């Protein structure tokens, strides 16, 4: 029964976080608030909140590092098969070297380079999305602890 409760709370937490971002998208057409890697981030933040890969430092800085690399490649180096692979490798290196590994962030260079995104993408959706997921994740964890259903 406890596993079902935890799964339900995780699902509701993920729903709330993604809903905040999705509704923000409809309010402001000028900014992008959603990107696919945030869905994968939600799985870690809400599904396995005590995992080292789901910690705020990893979520936020993992996304920032890999997005920055993707933007640099898209804006200044170029996009082809070799640069897509290189940027992904550099992103993995950057996260591991800084101890901020967050697997969903590994998709950022590819996404950003294929879409040819610029520096504004770093703020919305990358930083905004990561911070919202972390904040809702922490609130969900507090709620879970208050109910005494923590894993």
Protein backbone atom coordinates (compact mmCIF):
# COMPACT_ATOMS: atom_id res chain seq x y z
CA UNK A 1 0.00 0.00 0.00
CA UNK A 2 2.83 2.41 0.84
CA UNK A 3 4.37 1.97 -2.61
CA UNK A 4 1.06 2.92 -4.21
CA UNK A 5 0.84 6.01 -1.99
CA UNK A 6 4.36 7.06 -2.94
CA UNK A 7 3.64 6.48 -6.63
CA UNK A 8 0.45 8.51 -6.41
CA UNK A 9 2.16 11.40 -4.62
CA UNK A 10 5.01 11.33 -7.17
CA UNK A 11 2.52 11.40 -10.02
CA UNK A 12 0.61 14.29 -8.50
CA UNK A 13 3.85 16.20 -7.86
CA UNK A 14 4.99 15.70 -11.46
CA UNK A 15 1.53 16.78 -12.65
CA UNK A 16 1.68 19.99 -10.61
CA UNK A 17 5.19 20.92 -11.75
CA UNK A 18 4.53 20.29 -15.43
CA UNK A 19 1.12 21.99 -15.18
CA UNK A 20 2.76 25.13 -13.78
CA UNK A 21 5.16 25.18 -16.73
CA UNK A 22 2.46 24.34 -19.29
CA UNK A 23 0.09 27.04 -18.03
CA UNK A 24 2.97 29.53 -17.93
CA UNK A 25 3.44 28.73 -21.61
CA UNK A 26 -0.16 29.71 -22.38
CA UNK A 27 0.06 32.93 -20.39
CA UNK A 28 3.21 34.15 -22.09
CA UNK A 29 3.58 33.24 -25.75
CA UNK A 30 6.90 35.10 -25.78
CA UNK A 31 8.67 32.45 -23.72
CA UNK A 32 9.08 28.68 -23.90
CA UNK A 33 8.58 26.94 -20.55
CA UNK A 34 8.55 23.28 -21.56
CA UNK A 35 11.10 20.97 -23.11
CA UNK A 36 11.09 17.19 -23.28
CA UNK A 37 14.05 16.64 -20.91
CA UNK A 38 11.98 18.20 -18.11
CA UNK A 39 9.57 15.26 -18.33
CA UNK A 40 12.48 12.91 -17.72
CA UNK A 41 13.68 15.16 -14.91
CA UNK A 42 10.23 14.84 -13.31
CA UNK A 43 10.63 11.06 -13.18
CA UNK A 44 13.79 11.41 -11.10
CA UNK A 45 12.74 14.37 -8.93
CA UNK A 46 9.37 12.88 -7.99
CA UNK A 47 9.94 9.16 -8.46
CA UNK A 48 13.30 8.76 -6.73
CA UNK A 49 13.77 12.02 -4.81
CA UNK A 50 16.61 10.69 -2.64
CA UNK A 51 18.70 9.62 -5.63
CA UNK A 52 21.93 11.61 -6.05
CA UNK A 53 20.84 12.24 -9.65
CA UNK A 54 17.65 13.97 -8.44
CA UNK A 55 19.26 16.43 -6.03
CA UNK A 56 18.75 20.16 -6.66
CA UNK A 57 22.43 20.77 -7.46
CA UNK A 58 22.41 17.99 -10.05
CA UNK A 59 19.08 18.96 -11.59
CA UNK A 60 19.79 22.68 -11.89
CA UNK A 61 23.49 22.65 -12.72
CA UNK A 62 23.29 19.54 -14.89
CA UNK A 63 20.74 21.32 -17.05
CA UNK A 64 22.68 24.62 -17.03
CA UNK A 65 25.98 23.00 -18.01
CA UNK A 66 24.61 20.92 -20.87
CA UNK A 67 22.32 23.67 -22.16
CA UNK A 68 25.21 26.14 -22.17
CA UNK A 69 27.30 23.68 -24.16
CA UNK A 70 24.44 23.14 -26.61
CA UNK A 71 23.97 26.88 -27.10
CA UNK A 72 27.68 27.47 -27.63
CA UNK A 73 27.78 24.77 -30.29
CA UNK A 74 24.55 25.94 -31.95
CA UNK A 75 25.53 29.60 -32.00
CA UNK A 76 29.29 29.55 -32.54
CA UNK A 77 30.53 26.16 -33.75
CA UNK A 78 27.80 24.72 -35.95
CA UNK A 79 25.59 21.69 -36.11
CA UNK A 80 26.49 18.46 -37.86
CA UNK A 81 26.87 14.83 -36.90
CA UNK A 82 30.30 15.37 -35.36
CA UNK A 83 29.39 18.48 -33.36
CA UNK A 84 26.18 16.88 -32.05
CA UNK A 85 28.24 13.96 -30.75
CA UNK A 86 31.00 16.24 -29.44
CA UNK A 87 28.61 18.52 -27.57
CA UNK A 88 26.90 15.54 -25.97
CA UNK A 89 30.26 14.11 -24.90
CA UNK A 90 31.41 17.47 -23.54
CA UNK A 91 28.11 17.74 -21.65
CA UNK A 92 28.57 14.32 -20.06
CA UNK A 93 32.16 15.25 -19.17
CA UNK A 94 31.03 18.59 -17.71
CA UNK A 95 28.41 17.03 -15.48
CA UNK A 96 30.70 14.26 -14.26
CA UNK A 97 33.64 16.61 -13.67
CA UNK A 98 31.48 18.97 -11.59
CA UNK A 99 29.62 16.17 -9.80
CA UNK A 100 26.30 17.45 -11.15
CA UNK A 101 25.27 14.40 -13.19
CA UNK A 102 21.61 14.48 -14.19
CA UNK A 103 20.84 12.04 -17.04
CA UNK A 104 17.86 13.92 -18.54
CA UNK A 105 20.14 16.93 -19.05
CA UNK A 106 22.22 14.82 -21.44
CA UNK A 107 19.53 15.46 -24.06
CA UNK A 108 19.93 19.23 -23.86
CA UNK A 109 22.80 19.71 -26.34
CA UNK A 110 21.02 17.64 -28.99
CA UNK A 111 17.68 19.40 -28.48
CA UNK A 112 19.21 22.87 -28.41
CA UNK A 113 21.49 22.30 -31.37
CA UNK A 114 18.79 20.78 -33.59
CA UNK A 115 16.44 23.66 -32.76
CA UNK A 116 19.28 26.23 -33.08
CA UNK A 117 18.29 27.82 -29.79
CA UNK A 118 20.03 30.89 -28.40
CA UNK A 119 20.90 32.27 -24.98
CA UNK A 120 17.32 33.08 -23.97
CA UNK A 121 16.61 29.31 -24.01
CA UNK A 122 19.01 28.95 -21.07
CA UNK A 123 16.65 31.01 -18.90
CA UNK A 124 13.34 29.72 -20.24
CA UNK A 125 12.82 26.82 -20.30
CA UNK A 126 16.09 25.43 -18.91
CA UNK A 127 16.71 27.29 -15.63
CA UNK A 128 13.07 28.18 -14.99
CA UNK A 129 11.95 24.61 -15.65
CA UNK A 130 14.68 23.03 -13.51
CA UNK A 131 14.01 25.39 -10.59
CA UNK A 132 10.22 24.86 -10.73
CA UNK A 133 10.69 21.08 -10.74
CA UNK A 134 13.09 21.27 -7.79
CA UNK A 135 10.80 23.55 -5.77
CA UNK A 136 7.68 21.46 -6.39
CA UNK A 137 9.78 18.35 -5.74
CA UNK A 138 10.88 19.65 -2.34
CA UNK A 139 7.30 20.64 -1.45
CA UNK A 140 6.11 17.18 -2.47
CA UNK A 141 8.81 15.54 -0.34
CA UNK A 142 7.78 17.66 2.67
CA UNK A 143 4.16 16.63 2.12
CA UNK A 144 5.18 12.98 1.86
CA UNK A 145 7.18 13.21 5.08
CA UNK A 146 4.25 14.83 6.91
CA UNK A 147 2.06 11.91 5.88
CA UNK A 148 4.70 9.48 7.16
CA UNK A 149 4.78 7.56 3.89
CA UNK A 150 8.39 8.39 3.08
CA UNK A 151 10.38 5.61 1.47
